[in-house]
Amino acid sequence: MATKSVAKNKSVFERLSAINVNSKVEKKNGLTYLSWAYAWSEVKKQCPDATYLIGETDYDEALGFMCHTAVTIEGETLEMWLPVMDGKNQAMKKQPYSYQTRYGEKQVAQATMFDINKTIMRCLVKNLAMFGMGIYIYSGDDLPEADVEEVVTKPKATTKKPTPKTVSKETLDTDSPRWQGLMKFAQENKQIGYKKLVDKLELAGNCKLSAKAKNEIKNLV
C-alpha cells in the first residue's frame, strides 16, 4: 500500500520517465525507435485517463508532409509534430525528386499512405516522450533517470571512501555510440536554430560537443 501511495504522489513525468524501455526499442540506420504499441500500453497502465488525437497532415510543395498529434493526460494537453522522411531522413513529397550530395545524386521516393501512417505513430511516441515515456532515448542515454539513480545509490561492499576527483564533461564526437541519439533529436528539432540546439544537446547529453559534431549540427540547420 505504501508503494502505491508513493507512486500516486509522483507527477506524470516522474512516473513515465522512470520506465525502462530498452527491451522494446529497435535500431534502424543508426537511430533508435520505440514501439508505439508498447509506449501507449505503458502510458495507459500508469495513466488510465490518457487520450490522443491525430491532427491534420499538412503539406508544403517545398518542405513536404508534416504530421501532428496531441496527447492529454490528467488534464494537460501537449502537441507534437513530425515530418514524413525516408530512411536517410530526407523529406518525402507527393512526387519523387533527387538531390545532390558530395557522393553524387540521390533519389527520394514519393510518400505513400504507409509512410504517412508510420510517421503519425512515431509522432505519437515522440508526443508521449514529452510526458516522460522513453524520453531518455532522445538524449542518447542508455538508462532512464530512475535506473541511473539506483545504480549510483546502490551500497558498496567497502566502506573506504574514494579520493574525490574532479570530473570533467565528456567531449562527444560523431563516432560516439551516443551520437546517433543526439543527431536524431537534432534532426527533429532543427527549427530552433543552431545555438539553442547545441545548448540543448550538451545539456541533455551532459557532455561537450566536439568541433566536428558542432559542424555536423551547423550543416543540418
N, C-alpha and C. Protein backbone atom coordinates (compact mmCIF):
# COMPACT_ATOMS: atom_id res chain seq x y z
N MET A 1 0.82 -1.20 0.00
CA MET A 1 0.00 0.00 0.00
C MET A 1 0.86 1.26 0.00
N ALA A 2 1.96 1.21 0.76
CA ALA A 2 2.83 2.38 0.84
C ALA A 2 3.44 2.70 -0.51
N THR A 3 3.82 1.62 -1.27
CA THR A 3 4.43 1.83 -2.58
C THR A 3 3.44 2.49 -3.54
N LYS A 4 2.17 2.02 -3.54
CA LYS A 4 1.16 2.61 -4.40
C LYS A 4 0.92 4.07 -4.05
N SER A 5 0.93 4.39 -2.75
CA SER A 5 0.70 5.76 -2.31
C SER A 5 1.81 6.68 -2.79
N VAL A 6 3.06 6.19 -2.71
CA VAL A 6 4.20 6.99 -3.17
C VAL A 6 4.11 7.23 -4.67
N ALA A 7 3.71 6.17 -5.43
CA ALA A 7 3.60 6.30 -6.88
C ALA A 7 2.55 7.34 -7.27
N LYS A 8 1.44 7.36 -6.54
CA LYS A 8 0.38 8.31 -6.85
C LYS A 8 0.81 9.75 -6.57
N ASN A 9 1.72 9.92 -5.63
CA ASN A 9 2.18 11.27 -5.28
C ASN A 9 3.17 11.82 -6.30
N LYS A 10 3.70 10.94 -7.16
CA LYS A 10 4.65 11.39 -8.17
C LYS A 10 3.90 12.00 -9.35
N SER A 11 4.56 12.92 -10.04
CA SER A 11 3.94 13.54 -11.21
C SER A 11 3.90 12.54 -12.36
N VAL A 12 3.13 12.87 -13.38
CA VAL A 12 3.05 12.02 -14.56
C VAL A 12 4.44 11.84 -15.17
N PHE A 13 5.18 12.93 -15.28
CA PHE A 13 6.52 12.87 -15.88
C PHE A 13 7.45 11.98 -15.06
N GLU A 14 7.39 12.08 -13.74
CA GLU A 14 8.24 11.26 -12.88
C GLU A 14 7.92 9.78 -13.04
N ARG A 15 6.65 9.45 -13.15
CA ARG A 15 6.25 8.04 -13.28
C ARG A 15 6.66 7.47 -14.63
N LEU A 16 6.39 8.22 -15.70
CA LEU A 16 6.65 7.69 -17.03
C LEU A 16 8.13 7.70 -17.39
N SER A 17 8.86 8.71 -16.94
CA SER A 17 10.29 8.78 -17.29
C SER A 17 11.11 7.74 -16.55
N ALA A 18 10.53 7.12 -15.51
CA ALA A 18 11.26 6.10 -14.74
C ALA A 18 11.16 4.72 -15.38
N ILE A 19 10.33 4.56 -16.42
CA ILE A 19 10.14 3.25 -17.06
C ILE A 19 11.29 2.95 -18.02
N ASN A 20 11.89 1.79 -17.86
CA ASN A 20 12.98 1.35 -18.73
C ASN A 20 12.39 0.69 -19.97
N VAL A 21 12.60 1.29 -21.14
CA VAL A 21 12.01 0.79 -22.39
C VAL A 21 13.03 0.11 -23.29
N ASN A 22 14.23 -0.13 -22.78
CA ASN A 22 15.31 -0.65 -23.62
C ASN A 22 14.96 -1.95 -24.33
N SER A 23 14.19 -2.81 -23.70
CA SER A 23 13.87 -4.11 -24.31
C SER A 23 12.84 -3.99 -25.42
N LYS A 24 12.24 -2.80 -25.58
CA LYS A 24 11.19 -2.62 -26.58
C LYS A 24 11.59 -1.71 -27.74
N VAL A 25 12.86 -1.38 -27.82
CA VAL A 25 13.31 -0.49 -28.89
C VAL A 25 13.94 -1.29 -30.02
N GLU A 26 14.00 -0.69 -31.19
CA GLU A 26 14.71 -1.29 -32.32
C GLU A 26 15.57 -0.22 -32.96
N LYS A 27 16.67 -0.66 -33.55
CA LYS A 27 17.59 0.27 -34.18
C LYS A 27 17.52 0.10 -35.69
N LYS A 28 17.48 1.24 -36.38
CA LYS A 28 17.42 1.23 -37.83
C LYS A 28 18.21 2.42 -38.36
N ASN A 29 19.16 2.14 -39.25
CA ASN A 29 20.01 3.19 -39.82
C ASN A 29 20.68 4.04 -38.74
N GLY A 30 21.07 3.38 -37.64
CA GLY A 30 21.77 4.08 -36.57
C GLY A 30 20.87 4.84 -35.62
N LEU A 31 19.54 4.82 -35.85
CA LEU A 31 18.61 5.53 -34.98
C LEU A 31 17.81 4.53 -34.15
N THR A 32 17.32 4.98 -32.99
CA THR A 32 16.58 4.11 -32.08
C THR A 32 15.10 4.46 -32.10
N TYR A 33 14.26 3.44 -32.26
CA TYR A 33 12.81 3.65 -32.31
C TYR A 33 12.13 2.81 -31.22
N LEU A 34 11.12 3.40 -30.60
CA LEU A 34 10.33 2.72 -29.58
C LEU A 34 8.98 2.32 -30.17
N SER A 35 8.57 1.09 -29.92
CA SER A 35 7.28 0.59 -30.42
C SER A 35 6.14 1.45 -29.89
N TRP A 36 5.29 1.95 -30.80
CA TRP A 36 4.17 2.79 -30.37
C TRP A 36 3.18 1.98 -29.52
N ALA A 37 3.02 0.70 -29.86
CA ALA A 37 2.08 -0.14 -29.11
C ALA A 37 2.53 -0.31 -27.65
N TYR A 38 3.83 -0.52 -27.46
CA TYR A 38 4.35 -0.67 -26.10
C TYR A 38 4.25 0.66 -25.35
N ALA A 39 4.65 1.75 -26.02
CA ALA A 39 4.63 3.06 -25.37
C ALA A 39 3.21 3.41 -24.90
N TRP A 40 2.23 3.19 -25.78
CA TRP A 40 0.85 3.53 -25.43
C TRP A 40 0.33 2.62 -24.32
N SER A 41 0.67 1.33 -24.37
CA SER A 41 0.22 0.38 -23.34
C SER A 41 0.74 0.78 -21.97
N GLU A 42 2.02 1.15 -21.90
CA GLU A 42 2.62 1.53 -20.62
C GLU A 42 2.03 2.84 -20.09
N VAL A 43 1.75 3.77 -21.00
CA VAL A 43 1.15 5.04 -20.58
C VAL A 43 -0.25 4.78 -20.00
N LYS A 44 -1.03 3.92 -20.66
CA LYS A 44 -2.39 3.64 -20.18
C LYS A 44 -2.37 2.91 -18.83
N LYS A 45 -1.35 2.09 -18.60
CA LYS A 45 -1.24 1.40 -17.31
C LYS A 45 -1.01 2.41 -16.19
N GLN A 46 -0.14 3.40 -16.47
CA GLN A 46 0.18 4.40 -15.46
C GLN A 46 -0.86 5.51 -15.39
N CYS A 47 -1.45 5.82 -16.55
CA CYS A 47 -2.40 6.95 -16.63
C CYS A 47 -3.63 6.51 -17.44
N PRO A 48 -4.58 5.85 -16.80
CA PRO A 48 -5.75 5.31 -17.50
C PRO A 48 -6.58 6.36 -18.25
N ASP A 49 -6.47 7.63 -17.84
CA ASP A 49 -7.28 8.66 -18.49
C ASP A 49 -6.63 9.22 -19.75
N ALA A 50 -5.46 8.71 -20.12
CA ALA A 50 -4.73 9.25 -21.27
C ALA A 50 -5.52 9.07 -22.57
N THR A 51 -5.53 10.11 -23.39
CA THR A 51 -6.17 10.06 -24.71
C THR A 51 -5.25 10.75 -25.72
N TYR A 52 -5.45 10.44 -27.00
CA TYR A 52 -4.67 11.13 -28.02
C TYR A 52 -5.54 11.46 -29.22
N LEU A 53 -5.14 12.49 -29.97
CA LEU A 53 -5.82 12.90 -31.18
C LEU A 53 -4.81 12.99 -32.31
N ILE A 54 -5.23 12.58 -33.50
CA ILE A 54 -4.37 12.72 -34.68
C ILE A 54 -4.84 13.94 -35.46
N GLY A 55 -3.97 14.91 -35.61
CA GLY A 55 -4.33 16.13 -36.32
C GLY A 55 -4.21 15.97 -37.82
N GLU A 56 -4.47 17.05 -38.54
CA GLU A 56 -4.36 17.03 -40.00
C GLU A 56 -2.89 16.93 -40.41
N THR A 57 -2.66 16.25 -41.51
CA THR A 57 -1.31 16.17 -42.07
C THR A 57 -1.14 17.31 -43.06
N ASP A 58 -0.24 18.24 -42.75
CA ASP A 58 0.00 19.39 -43.62
C ASP A 58 0.92 19.00 -44.77
N TYR A 59 0.80 19.75 -45.86
CA TYR A 59 1.71 19.52 -46.99
C TYR A 59 2.16 20.84 -47.58
N ASP A 60 3.47 20.93 -47.83
CA ASP A 60 4.06 22.10 -48.47
C ASP A 60 4.90 21.59 -49.65
N GLU A 61 4.71 22.20 -50.81
CA GLU A 61 5.40 21.73 -52.01
C GLU A 61 6.91 21.73 -51.85
N ALA A 62 7.43 22.69 -51.09
CA ALA A 62 8.88 22.78 -50.92
C ALA A 62 9.40 21.91 -49.78
N LEU A 63 8.60 21.80 -48.71
CA LEU A 63 9.08 21.12 -47.50
C LEU A 63 8.59 19.69 -47.34
N GLY A 64 7.43 19.36 -47.89
CA GLY A 64 6.89 18.01 -47.76
C GLY A 64 5.75 17.91 -46.76
N PHE A 65 5.56 16.71 -46.19
CA PHE A 65 4.46 16.44 -45.27
C PHE A 65 4.87 16.66 -43.82
N MET A 66 3.91 17.12 -43.00
CA MET A 66 4.13 17.27 -41.56
C MET A 66 2.92 16.69 -40.83
N CYS A 67 3.18 15.68 -39.98
CA CYS A 67 2.11 15.03 -39.22
C CYS A 67 2.00 15.65 -37.83
N HIS A 68 0.78 15.62 -37.26
CA HIS A 68 0.53 16.23 -35.96
C HIS A 68 -0.26 15.29 -35.05
N THR A 69 0.07 15.30 -33.77
CA THR A 69 -0.71 14.57 -32.76
C THR A 69 -0.84 15.44 -31.52
N ALA A 70 -1.77 15.07 -30.65
CA ALA A 70 -1.94 15.75 -29.36
C ALA A 70 -2.31 14.70 -28.33
N VAL A 71 -1.66 14.74 -27.18
CA VAL A 71 -1.92 13.79 -26.10
C VAL A 71 -2.38 14.55 -24.87
N THR A 72 -3.41 14.02 -24.21
CA THR A 72 -3.92 14.63 -22.98
C THR A 72 -3.82 13.61 -21.85
N ILE A 73 -3.15 14.00 -20.76
CA ILE A 73 -3.02 13.15 -19.58
C ILE A 73 -3.28 14.01 -18.34
N GLU A 74 -4.22 13.57 -17.54
CA GLU A 74 -4.57 14.25 -16.29
C GLU A 74 -4.79 15.75 -16.51
N GLY A 75 -5.52 16.06 -17.57
CA GLY A 75 -5.90 17.45 -17.82
C GLY A 75 -4.89 18.28 -18.58
N GLU A 76 -3.70 17.75 -18.82
CA GLU A 76 -2.67 18.51 -19.56
C GLU A 76 -2.57 17.99 -20.98
N THR A 77 -2.63 18.89 -21.96
CA THR A 77 -2.53 18.52 -23.37
C THR A 77 -1.24 19.07 -23.96
N LEU A 78 -0.48 18.19 -24.60
CA LEU A 78 0.75 18.58 -25.29
C LEU A 78 0.65 18.15 -26.74
N GLU A 79 1.09 19.01 -27.64
CA GLU A 79 1.06 18.70 -29.07
C GLU A 79 2.45 18.33 -29.57
N MET A 80 2.50 17.60 -30.70
CA MET A 80 3.78 17.24 -31.31
C MET A 80 3.61 17.18 -32.82
N TRP A 81 4.71 17.29 -33.53
CA TRP A 81 4.70 17.27 -34.99
C TRP A 81 5.95 16.51 -35.47
N LEU A 82 5.86 15.92 -36.64
CA LEU A 82 6.99 15.14 -37.17
C LEU A 82 6.87 15.09 -38.70
N PRO A 83 7.95 15.40 -39.42
CA PRO A 83 7.90 15.34 -40.88
C PRO A 83 7.98 13.90 -41.38
N VAL A 84 7.39 13.66 -42.54
CA VAL A 84 7.49 12.34 -43.18
C VAL A 84 8.83 12.28 -43.89
N MET A 85 9.69 11.34 -43.47
CA MET A 85 11.05 11.23 -44.02
C MET A 85 11.33 9.82 -44.48
N ASP A 86 12.29 9.70 -45.40
CA ASP A 86 12.68 8.37 -45.86
C ASP A 86 13.77 7.80 -44.95
N GLY A 87 14.35 6.67 -45.33
CA GLY A 87 15.35 6.02 -44.50
C GLY A 87 16.61 6.82 -44.29
N LYS A 88 16.83 7.85 -45.13
CA LYS A 88 18.01 8.70 -44.99
C LYS A 88 17.64 10.06 -44.42
N ASN A 89 16.44 10.12 -43.82
CA ASN A 89 15.96 11.34 -43.17
C ASN A 89 15.81 12.52 -44.12
N GLN A 90 15.41 12.22 -45.34
CA GLN A 90 15.10 13.26 -46.31
C GLN A 90 13.58 13.40 -46.41
N ALA A 91 13.09 14.63 -46.49
CA ALA A 91 11.65 14.88 -46.56
C ALA A 91 11.05 14.21 -47.79
N MET A 92 9.93 13.51 -47.58
CA MET A 92 9.21 12.87 -48.69
C MET A 92 8.08 13.77 -49.14
N LYS A 93 7.85 13.80 -50.45
CA LYS A 93 6.84 14.68 -51.02
C LYS A 93 5.84 13.87 -51.85
N LYS A 94 4.92 14.57 -52.53
CA LYS A 94 3.91 13.89 -53.34
C LYS A 94 4.52 13.27 -54.59
N GLN A 95 5.64 13.81 -55.02
CA GLN A 95 6.33 13.30 -56.19
C GLN A 95 7.77 12.95 -55.84
N PRO A 96 8.36 11.96 -56.51
CA PRO A 96 9.78 11.64 -56.25
C PRO A 96 10.66 12.79 -56.72
N TYR A 97 11.82 12.95 -56.10
CA TYR A 97 12.75 14.01 -56.51
C TYR A 97 14.18 13.56 -56.21
N SER A 98 15.12 14.32 -56.70
CA SER A 98 16.54 14.00 -56.48
C SER A 98 17.23 15.19 -55.83
N TYR A 99 18.36 14.92 -55.19
CA TYR A 99 19.17 15.99 -54.59
C TYR A 99 20.64 15.61 -54.69
N GLN A 100 21.48 16.62 -54.65
CA GLN A 100 22.91 16.42 -54.83
C GLN A 100 23.62 16.32 -53.48
N THR A 101 24.57 15.42 -53.38
CA THR A 101 25.45 15.30 -52.23
C THR A 101 26.88 15.24 -52.74
N ARG A 102 27.82 15.22 -51.83
CA ARG A 102 29.22 15.13 -52.25
C ARG A 102 29.55 13.77 -52.85
N TYR A 103 28.62 12.80 -52.67
CA TYR A 103 28.81 11.47 -53.23
C TYR A 103 28.01 11.27 -54.51
N GLY A 104 27.36 12.34 -54.99
CA GLY A 104 26.59 12.24 -56.21
C GLY A 104 25.11 12.49 -55.98
N GLU A 105 24.32 12.19 -56.98
CA GLU A 105 22.88 12.44 -56.92
C GLU A 105 22.17 11.32 -56.17
N LYS A 106 21.23 11.69 -55.31
CA LYS A 106 20.45 10.74 -54.54
C LYS A 106 18.96 10.92 -54.86
N GLN A 107 18.22 9.83 -54.74
CA GLN A 107 16.80 9.86 -55.06
C GLN A 107 15.95 9.71 -53.81
N VAL A 108 14.81 10.40 -53.78
CA VAL A 108 13.83 10.27 -52.71
C VAL A 108 12.50 9.86 -53.33
N ALA A 109 11.96 8.73 -52.89
CA ALA A 109 10.70 8.25 -53.45
C ALA A 109 9.53 9.11 -52.97
N GLN A 110 8.42 9.05 -53.70
CA GLN A 110 7.24 9.79 -53.27
C GLN A 110 6.64 9.12 -52.03
N ALA A 111 6.00 9.91 -51.20
CA ALA A 111 5.41 9.39 -49.96
C ALA A 111 4.17 8.56 -50.28
N THR A 112 3.97 7.51 -49.49
CA THR A 112 2.78 6.68 -49.61
C THR A 112 1.96 6.80 -48.33
N MET A 113 0.75 6.25 -48.33
CA MET A 113 -0.07 6.26 -47.13
C MET A 113 0.62 5.50 -45.99
N PHE A 114 1.38 4.47 -46.35
CA PHE A 114 2.12 3.71 -45.34
C PHE A 114 3.14 4.61 -44.65
N ASP A 115 3.86 5.42 -45.45
CA ASP A 115 4.87 6.33 -44.87
C ASP A 115 4.21 7.33 -43.93
N ILE A 116 3.05 7.87 -44.34
CA ILE A 116 2.36 8.85 -43.52
C ILE A 116 1.84 8.22 -42.23
N ASN A 117 1.24 7.03 -42.35
CA ASN A 117 0.72 6.35 -41.17
C ASN A 117 1.83 6.01 -40.19
N LYS A 118 2.97 5.55 -40.72
CA LYS A 118 4.13 5.23 -39.88
C LYS A 118 4.63 6.46 -39.15
N THR A 119 4.66 7.59 -39.85
CA THR A 119 5.12 8.83 -39.24
C THR A 119 4.17 9.31 -38.15
N ILE A 120 2.87 9.14 -38.37
CA ILE A 120 1.89 9.55 -37.36
C ILE A 120 2.13 8.80 -36.05
N MET A 121 2.38 7.48 -36.14
CA MET A 121 2.58 6.69 -34.93
C MET A 121 3.92 7.03 -34.26
N ARG A 122 4.92 7.36 -35.07
CA ARG A 122 6.20 7.79 -34.49
C ARG A 122 6.02 9.15 -33.82
N CYS A 123 5.18 9.98 -34.42
CA CYS A 123 4.89 11.28 -33.83
C CYS A 123 4.20 11.09 -32.48
N LEU A 124 3.32 10.10 -32.40
CA LEU A 124 2.64 9.81 -31.14
C LEU A 124 3.65 9.40 -30.07
N VAL A 125 4.61 8.57 -30.45
CA VAL A 125 5.65 8.14 -29.49
C VAL A 125 6.45 9.34 -29.01
N LYS A 126 6.79 10.24 -29.94
CA LYS A 126 7.53 11.45 -29.57
C LYS A 126 6.67 12.33 -28.66
N ASN A 127 5.37 12.37 -28.94
CA ASN A 127 4.42 13.12 -28.12
C ASN A 127 4.40 12.57 -26.70
N LEU A 128 4.37 11.23 -26.57
CA LEU A 128 4.36 10.59 -25.26
C LEU A 128 5.68 10.85 -24.51
N ALA A 129 6.77 11.00 -25.28
CA ALA A 129 8.06 11.29 -24.65
C ALA A 129 8.03 12.63 -23.94
N MET A 130 7.21 13.56 -24.41
CA MET A 130 7.10 14.86 -23.75
C MET A 130 6.48 14.72 -22.36
N PHE A 131 5.77 13.62 -22.14
CA PHE A 131 5.23 13.33 -20.81
C PHE A 131 6.19 12.43 -20.01
N GLY A 132 7.32 12.05 -20.63
CA GLY A 132 8.33 11.26 -19.92
C GLY A 132 8.58 9.87 -20.45
N MET A 133 7.66 9.30 -21.23
CA MET A 133 7.79 7.93 -21.71
C MET A 133 8.94 7.79 -22.71
N GLY A 134 10.04 7.14 -22.27
CA GLY A 134 11.18 6.91 -23.15
C GLY A 134 11.94 8.16 -23.55
N ILE A 135 11.78 9.24 -22.79
CA ILE A 135 12.41 10.49 -23.21
C ILE A 135 13.93 10.41 -23.19
N TYR A 136 14.48 9.51 -22.37
CA TYR A 136 15.95 9.40 -22.32
C TYR A 136 16.54 8.92 -23.64
N ILE A 137 15.73 8.25 -24.47
CA ILE A 137 16.22 7.80 -25.77
C ILE A 137 16.64 9.00 -26.62
N TYR A 138 15.87 10.08 -26.54
CA TYR A 138 16.15 11.26 -27.37
C TYR A 138 17.39 12.01 -26.91
N SER A 139 17.83 11.79 -25.67
CA SER A 139 19.04 12.45 -25.19
C SER A 139 20.26 11.56 -25.34
N GLY A 140 20.06 10.33 -25.87
CA GLY A 140 21.17 9.43 -26.12
C GLY A 140 21.63 8.66 -24.90
N ASP A 141 20.88 8.72 -23.80
CA ASP A 141 21.27 7.98 -22.59
C ASP A 141 20.87 6.51 -22.72
N ASP A 142 21.55 5.65 -21.95
CA ASP A 142 21.29 4.21 -22.00
C ASP A 142 20.22 3.77 -21.01
N LEU A 143 20.00 4.55 -19.95
CA LEU A 143 19.06 4.16 -18.91
C LEU A 143 18.19 5.34 -18.50
N PRO A 144 16.95 5.07 -18.06
CA PRO A 144 16.12 6.16 -17.53
C PRO A 144 16.72 6.68 -16.24
N GLU A 145 16.30 7.87 -15.85
CA GLU A 145 16.87 8.53 -14.66
C GLU A 145 16.74 7.68 -13.41
N ALA A 146 15.60 7.00 -13.23
CA ALA A 146 15.39 6.19 -12.02
C ALA A 146 16.40 5.06 -11.92
N ASP A 147 16.72 4.40 -13.05
CA ASP A 147 17.70 3.32 -13.04
C ASP A 147 19.10 3.84 -12.75
N VAL A 148 19.40 5.02 -13.30
CA VAL A 148 20.71 5.62 -13.05
C VAL A 148 20.88 5.93 -11.58
N GLU A 149 19.81 6.49 -10.95
CA GLU A 149 19.87 6.82 -9.53
C GLU A 149 20.06 5.55 -8.70
N GLU A 150 19.41 4.46 -9.11
CA GLU A 150 19.53 3.20 -8.37
C GLU A 150 20.96 2.69 -8.42
N VAL A 151 21.58 2.80 -9.59
CA VAL A 151 22.97 2.36 -9.74
C VAL A 151 23.90 3.22 -8.89
N VAL A 152 23.66 4.53 -8.91
CA VAL A 152 24.52 5.45 -8.17
C VAL A 152 24.40 5.26 -6.67
N THR A 153 23.17 5.02 -6.19
CA THR A 153 22.94 4.95 -4.75
C THR A 153 23.08 3.54 -4.19
N LYS A 154 23.36 2.55 -5.02
CA LYS A 154 23.49 1.18 -4.54
C LYS A 154 24.68 1.09 -3.58
N PRO A 155 24.48 0.51 -2.34
CA PRO A 155 25.56 0.43 -1.35
C PRO A 155 26.77 -0.34 -1.87
N LYS A 156 27.94 0.15 -1.55
CA LYS A 156 29.17 -0.51 -1.97
C LYS A 156 29.63 -1.49 -0.89
N ALA A 157 30.39 -2.50 -1.32
CA ALA A 157 30.84 -3.54 -0.39
C ALA A 157 31.85 -2.98 0.61
N THR A 158 32.62 -2.02 0.21
CA THR A 158 33.64 -1.45 1.09
C THR A 158 33.19 -0.11 1.64
N THR A 159 33.64 0.20 2.83
CA THR A 159 33.29 1.48 3.47
C THR A 159 34.36 2.53 3.25
N LYS A 160 35.42 2.12 2.57
CA LYS A 160 36.51 3.06 2.31
C LYS A 160 36.04 4.13 1.34
N LYS A 161 36.22 5.38 1.70
CA LYS A 161 35.77 6.49 0.87
C LYS A 161 36.79 6.75 -0.24
N PRO A 162 36.35 6.84 -1.46
CA PRO A 162 37.28 7.12 -2.56
C PRO A 162 37.78 8.55 -2.50
N THR A 163 38.93 8.76 -3.04
CA THR A 163 39.50 10.10 -3.09
C THR A 163 38.72 10.93 -4.09
N PRO A 164 38.21 12.08 -3.65
CA PRO A 164 37.43 12.92 -4.57
C PRO A 164 38.22 13.28 -5.81
N LYS A 165 37.56 13.20 -6.94
CA LYS A 165 38.21 13.54 -8.21
C LYS A 165 37.38 14.59 -8.94
N THR A 166 38.06 15.42 -9.67
CA THR A 166 37.37 16.41 -10.48
C THR A 166 36.92 15.75 -11.77
N VAL A 167 35.59 15.75 -12.00
CA VAL A 167 35.05 15.09 -13.18
C VAL A 167 34.74 16.15 -14.24
N SER A 168 35.36 16.00 -15.39
CA SER A 168 35.10 16.92 -16.48
C SER A 168 34.11 16.29 -17.45
N LYS A 169 33.35 17.10 -18.12
CA LYS A 169 32.35 16.59 -19.05
C LYS A 169 33.02 15.92 -20.25
N GLU A 170 32.41 14.84 -20.69
CA GLU A 170 32.91 14.10 -21.85
C GLU A 170 32.79 14.96 -23.10
N THR A 171 33.82 14.92 -23.94
CA THR A 171 33.73 15.57 -25.24
C THR A 171 33.20 14.54 -26.23
N LEU A 172 32.01 14.80 -26.74
CA LEU A 172 31.34 13.82 -27.58
C LEU A 172 31.59 14.12 -29.05
N ASP A 173 32.11 13.11 -29.78
CA ASP A 173 32.40 13.25 -31.20
C ASP A 173 31.39 12.43 -32.00
N THR A 174 31.46 12.53 -33.31
CA THR A 174 30.48 11.86 -34.18
C THR A 174 30.65 10.35 -34.21
N ASP A 175 31.77 9.82 -33.71
CA ASP A 175 31.95 8.37 -33.69
C ASP A 175 31.50 7.76 -32.36
N SER A 176 30.95 8.58 -31.46
CA SER A 176 30.46 8.08 -30.18
C SER A 176 29.17 7.29 -30.38
N PRO A 177 28.94 6.22 -29.61
CA PRO A 177 27.69 5.45 -29.70
C PRO A 177 26.46 6.31 -29.38
N ARG A 178 26.66 7.39 -28.63
CA ARG A 178 25.55 8.26 -28.24
C ARG A 178 25.20 9.29 -29.31
N TRP A 179 26.07 9.44 -30.32
CA TRP A 179 25.90 10.50 -31.30
C TRP A 179 24.60 10.36 -32.09
N GLN A 180 24.24 9.12 -32.48
CA GLN A 180 23.05 8.93 -33.30
C GLN A 180 21.79 9.36 -32.56
N GLY A 181 21.75 9.10 -31.25
CA GLY A 181 20.59 9.51 -30.47
C GLY A 181 20.45 11.02 -30.44
N LEU A 182 21.58 11.71 -30.25
CA LEU A 182 21.56 13.17 -30.22
C LEU A 182 21.24 13.73 -31.61
N MET A 183 21.77 13.08 -32.65
CA MET A 183 21.55 13.54 -34.01
C MET A 183 20.08 13.41 -34.38
N LYS A 184 19.43 12.35 -33.88
CA LYS A 184 18.00 12.17 -34.15
C LYS A 184 17.20 13.33 -33.55
N PHE A 185 17.55 13.69 -32.31
CA PHE A 185 16.89 14.81 -31.64
C PHE A 185 17.12 16.08 -32.44
N ALA A 186 18.37 16.28 -32.92
CA ALA A 186 18.71 17.49 -33.67
C ALA A 186 17.91 17.58 -34.96
N GLN A 187 17.76 16.45 -35.67
CA GLN A 187 17.02 16.44 -36.92
C GLN A 187 15.56 16.81 -36.71
N GLU A 188 14.99 16.39 -35.59
CA GLU A 188 13.58 16.62 -35.35
C GLU A 188 13.30 17.99 -34.72
N ASN A 189 14.38 18.69 -34.29
CA ASN A 189 14.17 19.98 -33.62
C ASN A 189 15.07 21.07 -34.20
N LYS A 190 15.52 20.90 -35.45
CA LYS A 190 16.47 21.84 -36.04
C LYS A 190 15.88 23.24 -36.23
N GLN A 191 14.54 23.33 -36.15
CA GLN A 191 13.90 24.63 -36.35
C GLN A 191 14.22 25.64 -35.25
N ILE A 192 14.76 25.17 -34.11
CA ILE A 192 15.03 26.10 -33.01
C ILE A 192 16.34 26.86 -33.22
N GLY A 193 17.12 26.45 -34.23
CA GLY A 193 18.35 27.19 -34.52
C GLY A 193 19.59 26.52 -33.95
N TYR A 194 20.73 26.85 -34.55
CA TYR A 194 22.00 26.20 -34.22
C TYR A 194 22.41 26.35 -32.76
N LYS A 195 22.45 27.59 -32.25
CA LYS A 195 22.96 27.82 -30.89
C LYS A 195 22.10 27.13 -29.83
N LYS A 196 20.77 27.30 -29.92
CA LYS A 196 19.89 26.67 -28.94
C LYS A 196 19.95 25.15 -29.02
N LEU A 197 20.11 24.65 -30.25
CA LEU A 197 20.17 23.21 -30.45
C LEU A 197 21.42 22.63 -29.80
N VAL A 198 22.56 23.30 -29.98
CA VAL A 198 23.81 22.84 -29.37
C VAL A 198 23.69 22.87 -27.84
N ASP A 199 23.13 23.95 -27.30
CA ASP A 199 22.96 24.06 -25.85
C ASP A 199 22.10 22.93 -25.30
N LYS A 200 20.99 22.64 -26.00
CA LYS A 200 20.08 21.58 -25.54
C LYS A 200 20.74 20.21 -25.63
N LEU A 201 21.49 19.96 -26.69
CA LEU A 201 22.16 18.67 -26.86
C LEU A 201 23.22 18.46 -25.79
N GLU A 202 23.99 19.51 -25.49
CA GLU A 202 25.03 19.38 -24.46
C GLU A 202 24.42 19.21 -23.08
N LEU A 203 23.30 19.88 -22.85
CA LEU A 203 22.62 19.74 -21.56
C LEU A 203 22.01 18.35 -21.42
N ALA A 204 21.31 17.90 -22.47
CA ALA A 204 20.66 16.59 -22.41
C ALA A 204 21.67 15.46 -22.33
N GLY A 205 22.78 15.60 -23.07
CA GLY A 205 23.78 14.55 -23.08
C GLY A 205 24.83 14.68 -21.99
N ASN A 206 24.76 15.77 -21.20
CA ASN A 206 25.75 16.02 -20.15
C ASN A 206 27.16 15.90 -20.72
N CYS A 207 27.41 16.61 -21.81
CA CYS A 207 28.69 16.49 -22.49
C CYS A 207 29.01 17.80 -23.19
N LYS A 208 30.19 17.82 -23.80
CA LYS A 208 30.60 18.93 -24.66
C LYS A 208 30.73 18.37 -26.07
N LEU A 209 30.10 19.01 -27.04
CA LEU A 209 30.20 18.55 -28.41
C LEU A 209 31.54 18.96 -29.01
N SER A 210 32.16 18.06 -29.75
CA SER A 210 33.42 18.37 -30.40
C SER A 210 33.17 19.35 -31.54
N ALA A 211 34.25 19.92 -32.06
CA ALA A 211 34.12 20.86 -33.17
C ALA A 211 33.50 20.18 -34.39
N LYS A 212 33.86 18.90 -34.59
CA LYS A 212 33.32 18.14 -35.73
C LYS A 212 31.82 17.92 -35.54
N ALA A 213 31.40 17.61 -34.31
CA ALA A 213 29.99 17.37 -34.02
C ALA A 213 29.20 18.66 -34.22
N LYS A 214 29.76 19.79 -33.74
CA LYS A 214 29.07 21.07 -33.90
C LYS A 214 28.92 21.43 -35.37
N ASN A 215 29.95 21.08 -36.15
CA ASN A 215 29.90 21.37 -37.60
C ASN A 215 28.80 20.56 -38.27
N GLU A 216 28.59 19.31 -37.82
CA GLU A 216 27.52 18.47 -38.34
C GLU A 216 26.16 19.12 -38.05
N ILE A 217 26.02 19.63 -36.82
CA ILE A 217 24.78 20.29 -36.43
C ILE A 217 24.56 21.54 -37.28
N LYS A 218 25.63 22.30 -37.49
CA LYS A 218 25.53 23.54 -38.27
C LYS A 218 25.10 23.23 -39.70
N ASN A 219 25.64 22.16 -40.30
CA ASN A 219 25.26 21.78 -41.65
C ASN A 219 23.81 21.31 -41.71
N LEU A 220 23.35 20.67 -40.63
CA LEU A 220 21.97 20.18 -40.57
C LEU A 220 20.99 21.33 -40.53
N VAL A 221 21.32 22.35 -39.70
CA VAL A 221 20.43 23.50 -39.54
C VAL A 221 20.46 24.39 -40.77
